[in-house]
Amino acid sequence: MVMASLLEIDIFASFLVGHECDTINSLARGPFRDLAPDPEEGCFGVKGQLGPGCALLLANSVLCMLVGHFIQYASTAMIEEEGT
């Protein structure tokens, strides 16, 4: 979820801002084009990127799921063994 939300944050932020930046964007693409750092981006933008920590997060998530499944399997086997 963290990685997906990081990649989609720009779309969500643009949705929240809506058409509030239309006037500024038209000025940035027109007479003030030389002053704007990136006129095509507009007045508001969020750039999310996946860093090297995402691989660590993914590996830890898989490890956490595997350990959880092992503990559940082991405890179920132990309960069934005690019941017989």
Protein backbone atom coordinates (compact mmCIF):
# COMPACT_ATOMS: atom_id res chain seq x y z
CA MET A 1 0.00 0.00 0.00
CA VAL A 2 2.85 2.38 0.80
CA MET A 3 4.47 1.89 -2.59
CA ALA A 4 1.17 2.18 -4.46
CA SER A 5 0.19 5.36 -2.64
CA LEU A 6 3.62 6.86 -3.27
CA LEU A 7 3.23 6.30 -7.00
CA GLU A 8 -0.32 7.71 -7.05
CA ILE A 9 0.21 10.76 -4.81
CA ASP A 10 0.53 13.18 -7.75
CA ILE A 11 -2.87 12.20 -9.15
CA PHE A 12 -4.50 12.51 -5.72
CA ALA A 13 -2.88 15.90 -5.05
CA SER A 14 -3.97 17.19 -8.46
CA PHE A 15 -7.50 16.04 -7.69
CA LEU A 16 -7.49 17.95 -4.40
CA VAL A 17 -6.17 21.16 -5.98
CA GLY A 18 -8.55 20.88 -8.93
CA HIS A 19 -8.78 23.94 -11.16
CA GLU A 20 -7.37 26.38 -8.60
CA CYS A 21 -4.08 26.62 -10.52
CA ASP A 22 -5.50 27.18 -14.02
CA THR A 23 -4.70 30.92 -14.07
CA ILE A 24 -1.17 30.41 -12.79
CA ASN A 25 -0.60 27.57 -15.25
CA SER A 26 -1.71 29.70 -18.20
CA LEU A 27 0.68 32.46 -17.13
CA ALA A 28 3.52 29.95 -16.68
CA ARG A 29 2.99 28.63 -20.21
CA GLY A 30 2.60 32.11 -21.69
CA PRO A 31 4.45 35.34 -20.92
CA PHE A 32 6.33 34.03 -17.87
CA ARG A 33 7.59 30.81 -19.51
CA ASP A 34 11.23 31.75 -18.87
CA LEU A 35 10.66 32.22 -15.13
CA ALA A 36 8.89 28.91 -14.48
CA PRO A 37 11.13 25.95 -13.61
CA ASP A 38 8.93 23.48 -15.51
CA PRO A 39 5.94 25.13 -17.22
CA GLU A 40 4.41 21.82 -18.28
CA GLU A 41 4.25 20.60 -14.67
CA GLY A 42 2.08 23.49 -13.55
CA CYS A 43 1.89 25.40 -10.30
CA PHE A 44 1.46 22.33 -8.17
CA GLY A 45 2.96 18.89 -8.43
CA VAL A 46 4.17 16.08 -6.24
CA LYS A 47 6.81 13.70 -7.48
CA GLY A 48 7.05 10.42 -5.66
CA GLN A 49 9.81 7.95 -6.31
CA LEU A 50 10.69 4.55 -4.97
CA GLY A 51 14.00 4.53 -3.13
CA PRO A 52 16.27 1.66 -2.16
CA GLY A 53 14.35 1.24 1.10
CA CYS A 54 11.35 -0.10 -0.85
CA ALA A 55 13.22 -3.33 -1.59
CA LEU A 56 13.89 -3.72 2.12
CA LEU A 57 10.23 -3.00 2.89
CA LEU A 58 9.09 -5.59 0.35
CA ALA A 59 11.52 -8.23 1.68
CA ASN A 60 10.42 -7.61 5.25
CA SER A 61 6.75 -7.84 4.26
CA VAL A 62 7.31 -11.24 2.65
CA LEU A 63 9.33 -12.41 5.65
CA CYS A 64 6.59 -11.24 8.02
CA MET A 65 3.94 -13.15 6.07
CA LEU A 66 6.06 -16.31 5.98
CA VAL A 67 6.77 -16.19 9.73
CA GLY A 68 3.08 -15.57 10.44
CA HIS A 69 2.03 -18.55 8.34
CA PHE A 70 4.66 -20.75 10.00
CA ILE A 71 3.52 -19.77 13.49
CA GLN A 72 -0.11 -20.37 12.58
CA TYR A 73 0.72 -23.78 11.10
CA ALA A 74 2.88 -24.76 14.09
CA SER A 75 0.29 -23.69 16.66
CA THR A 76 -2.51 -25.49 14.80
CA ALA A 77 -0.40 -28.65 14.62
CA MET A 78 0.39 -28.40 18.32
CA ILE A 79 -3.27 -27.94 19.29
CA GLU A 80 -4.30 -30.90 17.15
CA GLU A 81 -1.53 -33.03 18.66
CA GLU A 82 -2.61 -32.21 22.20
CA GLY A 83 -6.22 -33.00 21.36
CA THR A 84 -5.49 -36.56 20.28
